[in-house]
Amino acid sequence: MTDELQNVERIRAGLEAALNELIQDIATLQIFPPHRFPLGWRKAAKGRTVWRLLEEMITQNLEVKHQDIGIQSFSPATSEVGVYDFIFSLDGQERVFVNIKSAIKGERLSKDDISKARKLEEFFSVDATRILLIATFEIEFFANMTLQINKCTVLPVMWIPDIYVNPSNNANLQSSRYKSIQTATRRTGLEFLELLRGEIQKADEKGAAKRRKQADR
């Protein structure tokens, strides 16, 4: 493994350890009083339903407690439409970007949206050595209207093994393998950028072909 990849792994593992330590303090979140939901979660038992609340809870607690869990500096993103939710540094030597995701415990494997592919291309085109991590929090819903965070896994976006840009879904980068480091493909940011550009081109070609087919009808 090259020095660059070793550094990414060091930072990845450091953030994962810090976030799992943070979870010990904020593991349970009371969403609503149970009597307001007499039939329970029902259709609301989805990650996207509570994702924004979860993100806000995590970023606020990191802002207050980051030094207690081994993170030297922390700052939340200033935009809600970018490719990352916060920036941190373990030792003051790097600025590392993090995208927060949630995943329901035991949920079947499926391709999920990671981010807009062109925004990612723009992000890495500025500097291909940038480090962008996905922090996925495994959540579980309970009948008393609480949400429990069981664990957090961290994977570099650059190491996603199944890079795919969906031409029918706003050209989002999608992956079903972003929740486990065991399936990661270790590559540099430049290698990832080249692969991403290739997938964007494929998506564009598929989209253009679909539009031509619809126009010929």
N, C-alpha and C. Protein backbone atom coordinates (compact mmCIF):
# COMPACT_ATOMS: atom_id res chain seq x y z
N MET A 1 0.85 -1.19 0.00
CA MET A 1 0.00 0.00 0.00
C MET A 1 0.88 1.24 0.00
N THR A 2 0.58 2.19 -0.87
CA THR A 2 1.38 3.42 -0.98
C THR A 2 1.20 4.29 0.25
N ASP A 3 2.09 5.29 0.39
CA ASP A 3 2.00 6.21 1.51
C ASP A 3 0.67 6.96 1.51
N GLU A 4 0.20 7.34 0.32
CA GLU A 4 -1.07 8.07 0.23
C GLU A 4 -2.23 7.22 0.74
N LEU A 5 -2.27 5.96 0.32
CA LEU A 5 -3.35 5.08 0.74
C LEU A 5 -3.24 4.75 2.23
N GLN A 6 -2.02 4.61 2.73
CA GLN A 6 -1.82 4.36 4.17
C GLN A 6 -2.32 5.54 5.00
N ASN A 7 -2.10 6.75 4.50
CA ASN A 7 -2.57 7.93 5.21
C ASN A 7 -4.09 8.00 5.23
N VAL A 8 -4.71 7.66 4.10
CA VAL A 8 -6.17 7.64 4.04
C VAL A 8 -6.72 6.62 5.02
N GLU A 9 -6.09 5.45 5.08
CA GLU A 9 -6.56 4.41 6.00
C GLU A 9 -6.39 4.86 7.46
N ARG A 10 -5.29 5.53 7.77
CA ARG A 10 -5.07 6.03 9.13
C ARG A 10 -6.18 7.01 9.53
N ILE A 11 -6.51 7.91 8.63
CA ILE A 11 -7.54 8.91 8.92
C ILE A 11 -8.92 8.25 8.99
N ARG A 12 -9.18 7.34 8.06
CA ARG A 12 -10.46 6.63 8.06
C ARG A 12 -10.69 5.90 9.38
N ALA A 13 -9.69 5.13 9.80
CA ALA A 13 -9.80 4.36 11.04
C ALA A 13 -9.91 5.28 12.26
N GLY A 14 -9.19 6.40 12.22
CA GLY A 14 -9.25 7.34 13.34
C GLY A 14 -10.62 7.97 13.49
N LEU A 15 -11.23 8.37 12.37
CA LEU A 15 -12.57 8.95 12.43
C LEU A 15 -13.58 7.91 12.86
N GLU A 16 -13.48 6.70 12.33
CA GLU A 16 -14.43 5.65 12.70
C GLU A 16 -14.40 5.39 14.21
N ALA A 17 -13.18 5.33 14.78
CA ALA A 17 -13.05 5.11 16.22
C ALA A 17 -13.65 6.27 17.00
N ALA A 18 -13.40 7.50 16.55
CA ALA A 18 -13.92 8.68 17.24
C ALA A 18 -15.44 8.72 17.20
N LEU A 19 -16.02 8.42 16.04
CA LEU A 19 -17.47 8.48 15.91
C LEU A 19 -18.15 7.37 16.71
N ASN A 20 -17.54 6.21 16.79
CA ASN A 20 -18.12 5.15 17.61
C ASN A 20 -18.00 5.47 19.09
N GLU A 21 -16.99 6.23 19.46
CA GLU A 21 -16.92 6.71 20.84
C GLU A 21 -18.01 7.73 21.11
N LEU A 22 -18.25 8.61 20.15
CA LEU A 22 -19.31 9.61 20.30
C LEU A 22 -20.68 8.94 20.44
N ILE A 23 -20.89 7.86 19.71
CA ILE A 23 -22.17 7.15 19.75
C ILE A 23 -22.51 6.68 21.15
N GLN A 24 -21.51 6.36 21.95
CA GLN A 24 -21.78 5.90 23.31
C GLN A 24 -22.53 6.94 24.13
N ASP A 25 -22.37 8.22 23.78
CA ASP A 25 -23.06 9.30 24.50
C ASP A 25 -24.39 9.68 23.88
N ILE A 26 -24.56 9.44 22.58
CA ILE A 26 -25.77 9.93 21.88
C ILE A 26 -26.51 8.81 21.19
N ALA A 27 -26.40 7.59 21.71
CA ALA A 27 -26.92 6.42 20.99
C ALA A 27 -28.43 6.45 20.81
N THR A 28 -29.17 7.05 21.73
CA THR A 28 -30.63 7.00 21.66
C THR A 28 -31.20 8.39 21.47
N LEU A 29 -32.11 8.51 20.50
CA LEU A 29 -32.74 9.78 20.20
C LEU A 29 -34.25 9.60 20.27
N GLN A 30 -34.90 10.35 21.18
CA GLN A 30 -36.36 10.32 21.28
C GLN A 30 -36.93 11.25 20.23
N ILE A 31 -37.62 10.68 19.23
CA ILE A 31 -38.12 11.49 18.12
C ILE A 31 -39.40 12.22 18.50
N PHE A 32 -40.43 11.47 18.97
CA PHE A 32 -41.69 12.06 19.37
C PHE A 32 -42.24 11.30 20.57
N PRO A 33 -43.14 11.90 21.35
CA PRO A 33 -43.82 11.15 22.42
C PRO A 33 -44.62 10.00 21.81
N PRO A 34 -44.52 8.80 22.36
CA PRO A 34 -45.21 7.65 21.78
C PRO A 34 -46.72 7.84 21.63
N HIS A 35 -47.35 8.60 22.54
CA HIS A 35 -48.81 8.74 22.46
C HIS A 35 -49.24 9.56 21.23
N ARG A 36 -48.31 10.28 20.63
CA ARG A 36 -48.64 11.02 19.40
C ARG A 36 -48.64 10.11 18.18
N PHE A 37 -48.08 8.91 18.32
CA PHE A 37 -48.05 7.92 17.24
C PHE A 37 -48.64 6.61 17.76
N PRO A 38 -49.96 6.54 17.93
CA PRO A 38 -50.56 5.34 18.54
C PRO A 38 -50.35 4.07 17.73
N LEU A 39 -50.02 4.19 16.43
CA LEU A 39 -49.79 3.01 15.61
C LEU A 39 -48.31 2.80 15.28
N GLY A 40 -47.46 3.56 15.96
CA GLY A 40 -46.03 3.35 15.78
C GLY A 40 -45.45 4.03 14.55
N TRP A 41 -44.28 3.59 14.14
CA TRP A 41 -43.54 4.22 13.05
C TRP A 41 -44.21 4.03 11.69
N ARG A 42 -44.70 2.82 11.43
CA ARG A 42 -45.27 2.46 10.15
C ARG A 42 -44.37 2.92 8.99
N LYS A 43 -44.91 3.70 8.04
CA LYS A 43 -44.14 4.08 6.85
C LYS A 43 -42.99 5.03 7.17
N ALA A 44 -42.99 5.61 8.37
CA ALA A 44 -41.92 6.54 8.73
C ALA A 44 -40.62 5.83 9.11
N ALA A 45 -40.67 4.51 9.23
CA ALA A 45 -39.47 3.76 9.64
C ALA A 45 -38.51 3.60 8.47
N LYS A 46 -38.02 4.73 8.01
CA LYS A 46 -37.07 4.76 6.90
C LYS A 46 -35.94 5.71 7.26
N GLY A 47 -34.75 5.40 6.78
CA GLY A 47 -33.60 6.25 7.09
C GLY A 47 -33.78 7.68 6.64
N ARG A 48 -34.38 7.88 5.46
CA ARG A 48 -34.51 9.22 4.93
C ARG A 48 -35.48 10.07 5.75
N THR A 49 -36.39 9.42 6.51
CA THR A 49 -37.35 10.15 7.32
C THR A 49 -36.66 10.95 8.42
N VAL A 50 -35.63 10.37 9.01
CA VAL A 50 -34.98 11.01 10.17
C VAL A 50 -33.55 11.44 9.87
N TRP A 51 -33.13 11.31 8.60
CA TRP A 51 -31.73 11.58 8.27
C TRP A 51 -31.30 12.98 8.66
N ARG A 52 -32.12 13.98 8.38
CA ARG A 52 -31.72 15.36 8.66
C ARG A 52 -31.57 15.61 10.16
N LEU A 53 -32.47 15.04 10.97
CA LEU A 53 -32.35 15.17 12.42
C LEU A 53 -31.08 14.48 12.92
N LEU A 54 -30.81 13.30 12.36
CA LEU A 54 -29.62 12.55 12.76
C LEU A 54 -28.36 13.33 12.41
N GLU A 55 -28.32 13.88 11.21
CA GLU A 55 -27.16 14.67 10.79
C GLU A 55 -26.94 15.86 11.71
N GLU A 56 -28.01 16.55 12.06
CA GLU A 56 -27.90 17.73 12.92
C GLU A 56 -27.42 17.34 14.32
N MET A 57 -27.94 16.25 14.85
CA MET A 57 -27.51 15.79 16.17
C MET A 57 -26.02 15.44 16.18
N ILE A 58 -25.59 14.73 15.16
CA ILE A 58 -24.19 14.32 15.10
C ILE A 58 -23.27 15.52 14.95
N THR A 59 -23.58 16.43 14.04
CA THR A 59 -22.70 17.58 13.82
C THR A 59 -22.66 18.50 15.03
N GLN A 60 -23.79 18.69 15.70
CA GLN A 60 -23.78 19.55 16.88
C GLN A 60 -22.93 18.95 18.00
N ASN A 61 -23.08 17.64 18.21
CA ASN A 61 -22.29 16.99 19.27
C ASN A 61 -20.81 16.95 18.92
N LEU A 62 -20.50 16.79 17.64
CA LEU A 62 -19.09 16.84 17.23
C LEU A 62 -18.51 18.23 17.45
N GLU A 63 -19.29 19.24 17.15
CA GLU A 63 -18.80 20.61 17.34
C GLU A 63 -18.47 20.89 18.80
N VAL A 64 -19.25 20.31 19.70
CA VAL A 64 -19.05 20.54 21.13
C VAL A 64 -18.00 19.60 21.72
N LYS A 65 -17.97 18.34 21.27
CA LYS A 65 -17.19 17.31 21.95
C LYS A 65 -16.01 16.77 21.14
N HIS A 66 -15.70 17.35 19.97
CA HIS A 66 -14.71 16.70 19.08
C HIS A 66 -13.35 16.51 19.73
N GLN A 67 -12.90 17.45 20.54
CA GLN A 67 -11.58 17.31 21.16
C GLN A 67 -11.56 16.20 22.20
N ASP A 68 -12.70 15.91 22.80
CA ASP A 68 -12.78 14.84 23.80
C ASP A 68 -12.65 13.46 23.18
N ILE A 69 -12.89 13.34 21.87
CA ILE A 69 -12.83 12.02 21.22
C ILE A 69 -11.69 11.93 20.22
N GLY A 70 -10.72 12.82 20.32
CA GLY A 70 -9.51 12.70 19.52
C GLY A 70 -9.49 13.43 18.21
N ILE A 71 -10.44 14.34 18.00
CA ILE A 71 -10.47 15.15 16.78
C ILE A 71 -9.99 16.55 17.14
N GLN A 72 -8.94 17.01 16.48
CA GLN A 72 -8.34 18.29 16.86
C GLN A 72 -9.18 19.48 16.43
N SER A 73 -9.71 19.43 15.21
CA SER A 73 -10.51 20.55 14.73
C SER A 73 -11.73 20.04 13.98
N PHE A 74 -12.79 20.84 14.00
CA PHE A 74 -14.05 20.44 13.38
C PHE A 74 -14.79 21.68 12.93
N SER A 75 -15.42 21.61 11.75
CA SER A 75 -16.28 22.70 11.30
C SER A 75 -17.38 22.12 10.41
N PRO A 76 -18.65 22.51 10.65
CA PRO A 76 -19.75 22.02 9.81
C PRO A 76 -19.71 22.67 8.44
N ALA A 77 -20.33 22.03 7.48
CA ALA A 77 -20.41 22.59 6.13
C ALA A 77 -21.28 23.84 6.16
N THR A 78 -20.95 24.80 5.32
CA THR A 78 -21.72 26.03 5.24
C THR A 78 -22.87 25.93 4.24
N SER A 79 -22.87 24.86 3.46
CA SER A 79 -23.92 24.65 2.46
C SER A 79 -24.60 23.31 2.69
N GLU A 80 -25.90 23.24 2.39
CA GLU A 80 -26.63 21.99 2.54
C GLU A 80 -26.69 21.20 1.24
N VAL A 81 -26.11 21.73 0.17
CA VAL A 81 -26.19 21.06 -1.13
C VAL A 81 -24.82 20.61 -1.64
N GLY A 82 -23.82 20.63 -0.80
CA GLY A 82 -22.49 20.20 -1.21
C GLY A 82 -22.32 18.70 -1.06
N VAL A 83 -21.09 18.23 -1.28
CA VAL A 83 -20.82 16.79 -1.21
C VAL A 83 -20.38 16.36 0.19
N TYR A 84 -20.25 17.30 1.13
CA TYR A 84 -19.82 16.93 2.48
C TYR A 84 -20.64 17.69 3.52
N ASP A 85 -20.67 17.12 4.74
CA ASP A 85 -21.43 17.69 5.85
C ASP A 85 -20.55 18.36 6.90
N PHE A 86 -19.30 17.92 6.99
CA PHE A 86 -18.37 18.61 7.90
C PHE A 86 -16.93 18.36 7.47
N ILE A 87 -16.05 19.18 8.01
CA ILE A 87 -14.61 19.07 7.78
C ILE A 87 -13.95 18.85 9.13
N PHE A 88 -12.95 17.98 9.18
CA PHE A 88 -12.26 17.74 10.45
C PHE A 88 -10.78 17.50 10.20
N SER A 89 -10.04 17.51 11.29
CA SER A 89 -8.62 17.15 11.26
C SER A 89 -8.29 16.38 12.52
N LEU A 90 -7.58 15.27 12.37
CA LEU A 90 -7.15 14.50 13.53
C LEU A 90 -5.96 15.14 14.22
N ASP A 91 -5.03 15.69 13.44
CA ASP A 91 -3.79 16.20 14.02
C ASP A 91 -3.40 17.58 13.52
N GLY A 92 -4.31 18.24 12.80
CA GLY A 92 -4.02 19.58 12.33
C GLY A 92 -3.24 19.63 11.03
N GLN A 93 -2.90 18.49 10.46
CA GLN A 93 -2.07 18.44 9.26
C GLN A 93 -2.89 18.32 7.98
N GLU A 94 -4.19 18.02 8.10
CA GLU A 94 -4.99 17.81 6.91
C GLU A 94 -6.42 18.31 7.14
N ARG A 95 -7.10 18.62 6.04
CA ARG A 95 -8.53 18.97 6.08
C ARG A 95 -9.26 17.84 5.40
N VAL A 96 -10.05 17.10 6.16
CA VAL A 96 -10.73 15.91 5.65
C VAL A 96 -12.24 16.19 5.62
N PHE A 97 -12.87 15.80 4.53
CA PHE A 97 -14.29 16.08 4.31
C PHE A 97 -15.11 14.82 4.55
N VAL A 98 -16.30 15.00 5.15
CA VAL A 98 -17.11 13.84 5.54
C VAL A 98 -18.57 14.04 5.13
N ASN A 99 -19.13 13.00 4.54
CA ASN A 99 -20.54 12.95 4.17
C ASN A 99 -21.24 11.97 5.10
N ILE A 100 -22.28 12.42 5.81
CA ILE A 100 -23.01 11.58 6.75
C ILE A 100 -24.13 10.84 6.04
N LYS A 101 -24.20 9.52 6.28
CA LYS A 101 -25.28 8.69 5.75
C LYS A 101 -25.89 7.88 6.89
N SER A 102 -27.10 7.37 6.66
CA SER A 102 -27.71 6.47 7.63
C SER A 102 -28.14 5.20 6.92
N ALA A 103 -28.15 4.10 7.65
CA ALA A 103 -28.58 2.82 7.09
C ALA A 103 -29.36 2.07 8.17
N ILE A 104 -30.49 1.50 7.79
CA ILE A 104 -31.31 0.77 8.75
C ILE A 104 -30.73 -0.61 8.99
N LYS A 105 -30.65 -1.01 10.24
CA LYS A 105 -30.11 -2.31 10.60
C LYS A 105 -30.91 -3.42 9.91
N GLY A 106 -30.19 -4.32 9.26
CA GLY A 106 -30.83 -5.46 8.63
C GLY A 106 -31.48 -5.18 7.30
N GLU A 107 -31.37 -3.95 6.80
CA GLU A 107 -32.00 -3.61 5.53
C GLU A 107 -31.31 -4.35 4.39
N ARG A 108 -32.11 -4.76 3.39
CA ARG A 108 -31.55 -5.51 2.28
C ARG A 108 -30.57 -4.65 1.48
N LEU A 109 -29.65 -5.31 0.81
CA LEU A 109 -28.64 -4.63 0.01
C LEU A 109 -29.28 -3.98 -1.20
N SER A 110 -29.00 -2.69 -1.41
CA SER A 110 -29.55 -1.99 -2.57
C SER A 110 -28.62 -0.85 -2.93
N LYS A 111 -28.72 -0.38 -4.17
CA LYS A 111 -27.92 0.76 -4.59
C LYS A 111 -28.51 2.04 -4.01
N ASP A 112 -27.72 2.78 -3.28
CA ASP A 112 -28.17 4.03 -2.66
C ASP A 112 -27.43 5.21 -3.30
N ASP A 113 -28.07 6.36 -3.25
CA ASP A 113 -27.43 7.58 -3.74
C ASP A 113 -26.31 7.99 -2.80
N ILE A 114 -25.16 8.31 -3.37
CA ILE A 114 -24.03 8.82 -2.59
C ILE A 114 -23.96 10.34 -2.71
N SER A 115 -23.94 10.83 -3.94
CA SER A 115 -23.90 12.27 -4.17
C SER A 115 -24.07 12.52 -5.65
N LYS A 116 -24.27 13.77 -6.03
CA LYS A 116 -24.33 14.12 -7.44
C LYS A 116 -22.95 13.87 -8.06
N ALA A 117 -22.94 13.11 -9.14
CA ALA A 117 -21.66 12.71 -9.74
C ALA A 117 -20.85 13.91 -10.22
N ARG A 118 -21.50 14.89 -10.81
CA ARG A 118 -20.76 16.05 -11.32
C ARG A 118 -20.23 16.93 -10.19
N LYS A 119 -20.93 16.97 -9.08
CA LYS A 119 -20.41 17.71 -7.92
C LYS A 119 -19.16 17.02 -7.37
N LEU A 120 -19.18 15.68 -7.38
CA LEU A 120 -17.99 14.94 -6.96
C LEU A 120 -16.83 15.15 -7.92
N GLU A 121 -17.15 15.15 -9.22
CA GLU A 121 -16.10 15.41 -10.21
C GLU A 121 -15.49 16.79 -9.99
N GLU A 122 -16.32 17.78 -9.74
CA GLU A 122 -15.83 19.13 -9.48
C GLU A 122 -14.99 19.17 -8.21
N PHE A 123 -15.44 18.47 -7.17
CA PHE A 123 -14.73 18.44 -5.89
C PHE A 123 -13.32 17.88 -6.05
N PHE A 124 -13.18 16.75 -6.72
CA PHE A 124 -11.86 16.12 -6.87
C PHE A 124 -11.03 16.77 -7.96
N SER A 125 -11.68 17.49 -8.89
CA SER A 125 -10.91 18.19 -9.92
C SER A 125 -10.13 19.35 -9.32
N VAL A 126 -10.64 19.93 -8.26
CA VAL A 126 -9.92 21.01 -7.57
C VAL A 126 -8.60 20.49 -7.01
N ASP A 127 -8.64 19.31 -6.41
CA ASP A 127 -7.44 18.69 -5.84
C ASP A 127 -7.73 17.20 -5.68
N ALA A 128 -7.11 16.36 -6.50
CA ALA A 128 -7.39 14.92 -6.48
C ALA A 128 -6.85 14.24 -5.23
N THR A 129 -6.04 14.94 -4.43
CA THR A 129 -5.54 14.34 -3.19
C THR A 129 -6.47 14.60 -2.01
N ARG A 130 -7.55 15.34 -2.25
CA ARG A 130 -8.53 15.55 -1.18
C ARG A 130 -9.06 14.21 -0.68
N ILE A 131 -9.42 14.17 0.59
CA ILE A 131 -9.98 12.96 1.19
C ILE A 131 -11.44 13.23 1.54
N LEU A 132 -12.33 12.45 0.95
CA LEU A 132 -13.76 12.54 1.22
C LEU A 132 -14.22 11.20 1.77
N LEU A 133 -14.74 11.20 2.98
CA LEU A 133 -15.16 9.98 3.66
C LEU A 133 -16.67 9.92 3.78
N ILE A 134 -17.22 8.71 3.73
CA ILE A 134 -18.63 8.48 4.00
C ILE A 134 -18.74 7.86 5.40
N ALA A 135 -19.43 8.53 6.31
CA ALA A 135 -19.67 8.00 7.65
C ALA A 135 -21.10 7.52 7.70
N THR A 136 -21.28 6.20 7.75
CA THR A 136 -22.62 5.61 7.73
C THR A 136 -23.00 5.15 9.13
N PHE A 137 -24.09 5.69 9.64
CA PHE A 137 -24.58 5.36 10.98
C PHE A 137 -25.71 4.34 10.85
N GLU A 138 -25.51 3.17 11.45
CA GLU A 138 -26.54 2.13 11.44
C GLU A 138 -27.58 2.46 12.50
N ILE A 139 -28.85 2.56 12.06
CA ILE A 139 -29.91 2.96 12.98
C ILE A 139 -30.97 1.87 13.11
N GLU A 140 -31.70 1.96 14.22
CA GLU A 140 -32.76 0.99 14.50
C GLU A 140 -33.94 1.74 15.11
N PHE A 141 -35.15 1.39 14.66
CA PHE A 141 -36.36 2.04 15.13
C PHE A 141 -37.03 1.18 16.20
N PHE A 142 -37.55 1.84 17.26
CA PHE A 142 -38.23 1.12 18.33
C PHE A 142 -39.64 1.67 18.53
N ALA A 143 -40.52 0.81 19.08
CA ALA A 143 -41.94 1.14 19.19
C ALA A 143 -42.22 2.36 20.07
N ASN A 144 -41.31 2.68 20.98
CA ASN A 144 -41.51 3.84 21.85
C ASN A 144 -41.08 5.14 21.19
N MET A 145 -40.96 5.10 19.85
CA MET A 145 -40.60 6.26 19.03
C MET A 145 -39.19 6.77 19.32
N THR A 146 -38.31 5.86 19.67
CA THR A 146 -36.90 6.20 19.81
C THR A 146 -36.14 5.64 18.62
N LEU A 147 -35.04 6.29 18.34
CA LEU A 147 -34.12 5.89 17.29
C LEU A 147 -32.79 5.58 17.95
N GLN A 148 -32.26 4.41 17.68
CA GLN A 148 -30.98 4.02 18.29
C GLN A 148 -29.90 3.92 17.23
N ILE A 149 -28.74 4.50 17.51
CA ILE A 149 -27.58 4.36 16.64
C ILE A 149 -26.72 3.22 17.18
N ASN A 150 -26.54 2.19 16.39
CA ASN A 150 -25.80 1.01 16.85
C ASN A 150 -24.30 1.13 16.61
N LYS A 151 -23.91 1.66 15.46
CA LYS A 151 -22.49 1.76 15.14
C LYS A 151 -22.30 2.70 13.97
N CYS A 152 -21.06 3.04 13.70
CA CYS A 152 -20.72 3.86 12.54
C CYS A 152 -19.59 3.18 11.77
N THR A 153 -19.72 3.14 10.46
CA THR A 153 -18.64 2.65 9.61
C THR A 153 -18.20 3.79 8.69
N VAL A 154 -16.92 3.86 8.42
CA VAL A 154 -16.36 4.94 7.60
C VAL A 154 -15.64 4.34 6.40
N LEU A 155 -15.98 4.86 5.22
CA LEU A 155 -15.35 4.39 3.98
C LEU A 155 -15.02 5.59 3.11
N PRO A 156 -13.81 5.67 2.56
CA PRO A 156 -13.50 6.74 1.61
C PRO A 156 -14.35 6.60 0.34
N VAL A 157 -14.89 7.70 -0.13
CA VAL A 157 -15.63 7.68 -1.40
C VAL A 157 -14.76 7.10 -2.50
N MET A 158 -13.48 7.42 -2.46
CA MET A 158 -12.55 6.96 -3.50
C MET A 158 -12.43 5.43 -3.55
N TRP A 159 -12.81 4.76 -2.45
CA TRP A 159 -12.64 3.31 -2.35
C TRP A 159 -13.93 2.54 -2.61
N ILE A 160 -14.99 3.23 -3.01
CA ILE A 160 -16.22 2.52 -3.34
C ILE A 160 -15.94 1.51 -4.46
N PRO A 161 -16.25 0.23 -4.27
CA PRO A 161 -15.89 -0.76 -5.30
C PRO A 161 -16.80 -0.74 -6.52
N ASP A 162 -18.08 -0.39 -6.33
CA ASP A 162 -19.04 -0.48 -7.43
C ASP A 162 -19.47 0.91 -7.89
N ILE A 163 -18.57 1.62 -8.54
CA ILE A 163 -18.85 2.98 -9.01
C ILE A 163 -19.86 2.92 -10.16
N TYR A 164 -20.97 3.62 -9.97
CA TYR A 164 -22.03 3.61 -10.99
C TYR A 164 -22.77 4.95 -10.96
N VAL A 165 -22.95 5.57 -12.12
CA VAL A 165 -23.70 6.81 -12.24
C VAL A 165 -25.01 6.50 -12.94
N ASN A 166 -26.10 6.77 -12.25
CA ASN A 166 -27.43 6.44 -12.75
C ASN A 166 -27.92 7.53 -13.70
N PRO A 167 -28.10 7.22 -14.98
CA PRO A 167 -28.53 8.25 -15.94
C PRO A 167 -29.97 8.68 -15.74
N SER A 168 -30.76 7.87 -15.02
CA SER A 168 -32.18 8.16 -14.83
C SER A 168 -32.48 8.78 -13.47
N ASN A 169 -31.46 9.09 -12.70
CA ASN A 169 -31.68 9.58 -11.34
C ASN A 169 -30.80 10.79 -11.05
N ASN A 170 -30.96 11.83 -11.88
CA ASN A 170 -30.21 13.08 -11.69
C ASN A 170 -28.70 12.87 -11.71
N ALA A 171 -28.26 11.83 -12.42
CA ALA A 171 -26.83 11.53 -12.54
C ALA A 171 -26.16 11.41 -11.18
N ASN A 172 -26.81 10.67 -10.28
CA ASN A 172 -26.23 10.42 -8.97
C ASN A 172 -25.23 9.27 -9.02
N LEU A 173 -24.14 9.43 -8.27
CA LEU A 173 -23.27 8.28 -8.02
C LEU A 173 -24.00 7.38 -7.04
N GLN A 174 -24.10 6.10 -7.38
CA GLN A 174 -24.78 5.14 -6.52
C GLN A 174 -23.85 3.99 -6.18
N SER A 175 -24.13 3.37 -5.03
CA SER A 175 -23.33 2.23 -4.59
C SER A 175 -24.15 1.38 -3.63
N SER A 176 -23.92 0.09 -3.66
CA SER A 176 -24.49 -0.81 -2.66
C SER A 176 -23.42 -1.34 -1.72
N ARG A 177 -22.18 -0.86 -1.90
CA ARG A 177 -21.05 -1.41 -1.15
C ARG A 177 -20.28 -0.34 -0.37
N TYR A 178 -20.98 0.68 0.08
CA TYR A 178 -20.29 1.78 0.77
C TYR A 178 -20.34 1.64 2.29
N LYS A 179 -20.92 0.56 2.80
CA LYS A 179 -21.13 0.42 4.25
C LYS A 179 -20.12 -0.50 4.92
N SER A 180 -19.17 -1.02 4.15
CA SER A 180 -18.23 -1.99 4.72
C SER A 180 -16.84 -1.79 4.15
N ILE A 181 -15.86 -1.67 5.03
CA ILE A 181 -14.47 -1.52 4.59
C ILE A 181 -13.94 -2.83 3.99
N GLN A 182 -14.58 -3.96 4.33
CA GLN A 182 -14.10 -5.26 3.85
C GLN A 182 -14.20 -5.39 2.33
N THR A 183 -15.16 -4.68 1.73
CA THR A 183 -15.33 -4.80 0.28
C THR A 183 -14.69 -3.64 -0.49
N ALA A 184 -13.94 -2.79 0.21
CA ALA A 184 -13.38 -1.59 -0.42
C ALA A 184 -12.33 -1.93 -1.46
N THR A 185 -12.26 -1.08 -2.50
CA THR A 185 -11.20 -1.15 -3.49
C THR A 185 -10.30 0.06 -3.25
N ARG A 186 -9.12 -0.17 -2.75
CA ARG A 186 -8.25 0.93 -2.34
C ARG A 186 -7.61 1.58 -3.57
N ARG A 187 -7.98 2.83 -3.80
CA ARG A 187 -7.45 3.58 -4.94
C ARG A 187 -7.24 5.03 -4.56
N THR A 188 -6.43 5.72 -5.32
CA THR A 188 -6.17 7.14 -5.06
C THR A 188 -7.33 7.99 -5.55
N GLY A 189 -7.32 9.26 -5.14
CA GLY A 189 -8.35 10.17 -5.61
C GLY A 189 -8.29 10.37 -7.12
N LEU A 190 -7.09 10.40 -7.68
CA LEU A 190 -6.95 10.56 -9.12
C LEU A 190 -7.50 9.35 -9.87
N GLU A 191 -7.24 8.16 -9.38
CA GLU A 191 -7.79 6.95 -9.99
C GLU A 191 -9.31 6.95 -9.92
N PHE A 192 -9.84 7.39 -8.77
CA PHE A 192 -11.29 7.47 -8.62
C PHE A 192 -11.88 8.49 -9.59
N LEU A 193 -11.23 9.64 -9.72
CA LEU A 193 -11.72 10.69 -10.60
C LEU A 193 -11.79 10.21 -12.04
N GLU A 194 -10.78 9.49 -12.49
CA GLU A 194 -10.78 8.97 -13.86
C GLU A 194 -11.93 7.98 -14.08
N LEU A 195 -12.15 7.10 -13.10
CA LEU A 195 -13.25 6.14 -13.21
C LEU A 195 -14.60 6.85 -13.17
N LEU A 196 -14.72 7.85 -12.31
CA LEU A 196 -15.97 8.60 -12.20
C LEU A 196 -16.29 9.30 -13.51
N ARG A 197 -15.29 9.92 -14.13
CA ARG A 197 -15.51 10.59 -15.41
C ARG A 197 -15.99 9.61 -16.47
N GLY A 198 -15.42 8.41 -16.45
CA GLY A 198 -15.86 7.39 -17.39
C GLY A 198 -17.31 7.00 -17.18
N GLU A 199 -17.72 6.89 -15.92
CA GLU A 199 -19.11 6.53 -15.61
C GLU A 199 -20.07 7.67 -15.96
N ILE A 200 -19.63 8.91 -15.77
CA ILE A 200 -20.45 10.06 -16.15
C ILE A 200 -20.67 10.06 -17.66
N GLN A 201 -19.61 9.77 -18.41
CA GLN A 201 -19.73 9.72 -19.87
C GLN A 201 -20.71 8.62 -20.30
N LYS A 202 -20.62 7.45 -19.67
CA LYS A 202 -21.55 6.36 -19.98
C LYS A 202 -22.99 6.78 -19.69
N ALA A 203 -23.19 7.45 -18.55
CA ALA A 203 -24.54 7.89 -18.17
C ALA A 203 -25.07 8.91 -19.17
N ASP A 204 -24.20 9.83 -19.59
CA ASP A 204 -24.61 10.83 -20.58
C ASP A 204 -25.01 10.17 -21.89
N GLU A 205 -24.24 9.18 -22.32
CA GLU A 205 -24.54 8.49 -23.58
C GLU A 205 -25.85 7.71 -23.49
N LYS A 206 -26.09 7.06 -22.34
CA LYS A 206 -27.34 6.33 -22.15
C LYS A 206 -28.53 7.29 -22.13
N GLY A 207 -28.35 8.43 -21.45
CA GLY A 207 -29.41 9.42 -21.39
C GLY A 207 -29.74 10.00 -22.76
N ALA A 208 -28.70 10.27 -23.57
CA ALA A 208 -28.91 10.81 -24.91
C ALA A 208 -29.61 9.79 -25.80
N ALA A 209 -29.22 8.52 -25.67
CA ALA A 209 -29.85 7.47 -26.46
C ALA A 209 -31.32 7.32 -26.10
N LYS A 210 -31.63 7.43 -24.83
CA LYS A 210 -33.02 7.33 -24.38
C LYS A 210 -33.86 8.48 -24.92
N ARG A 211 -33.28 9.68 -24.92
CA ARG A 211 -34.01 10.85 -25.43
C ARG A 211 -34.25 10.73 -26.94
N ARG A 212 -33.26 10.19 -27.66
CA ARG A 212 -33.43 10.00 -29.11
C ARG A 212 -34.53 8.99 -29.39
N LYS A 213 -34.55 7.92 -28.59
CA LYS A 213 -35.55 6.89 -28.77
C LYS A 213 -36.96 7.45 -28.51
N GLN A 214 -37.09 8.28 -27.49
CA GLN A 214 -38.39 8.87 -27.15
C GLN A 214 -38.82 9.87 -28.24
N ALA A 215 -37.86 10.58 -28.83
CA ALA A 215 -38.18 11.55 -29.87
C ALA A 215 -38.63 10.88 -31.16
N ASP A 216 -38.14 9.64 -31.40
CA ASP A 216 -38.50 8.92 -32.61
C ASP A 216 -39.87 8.26 -32.55
N ARG A 217 -40.46 8.24 -31.38
CA ARG A 217 -41.76 7.57 -31.25
C ARG A 217 -42.87 8.36 -31.92
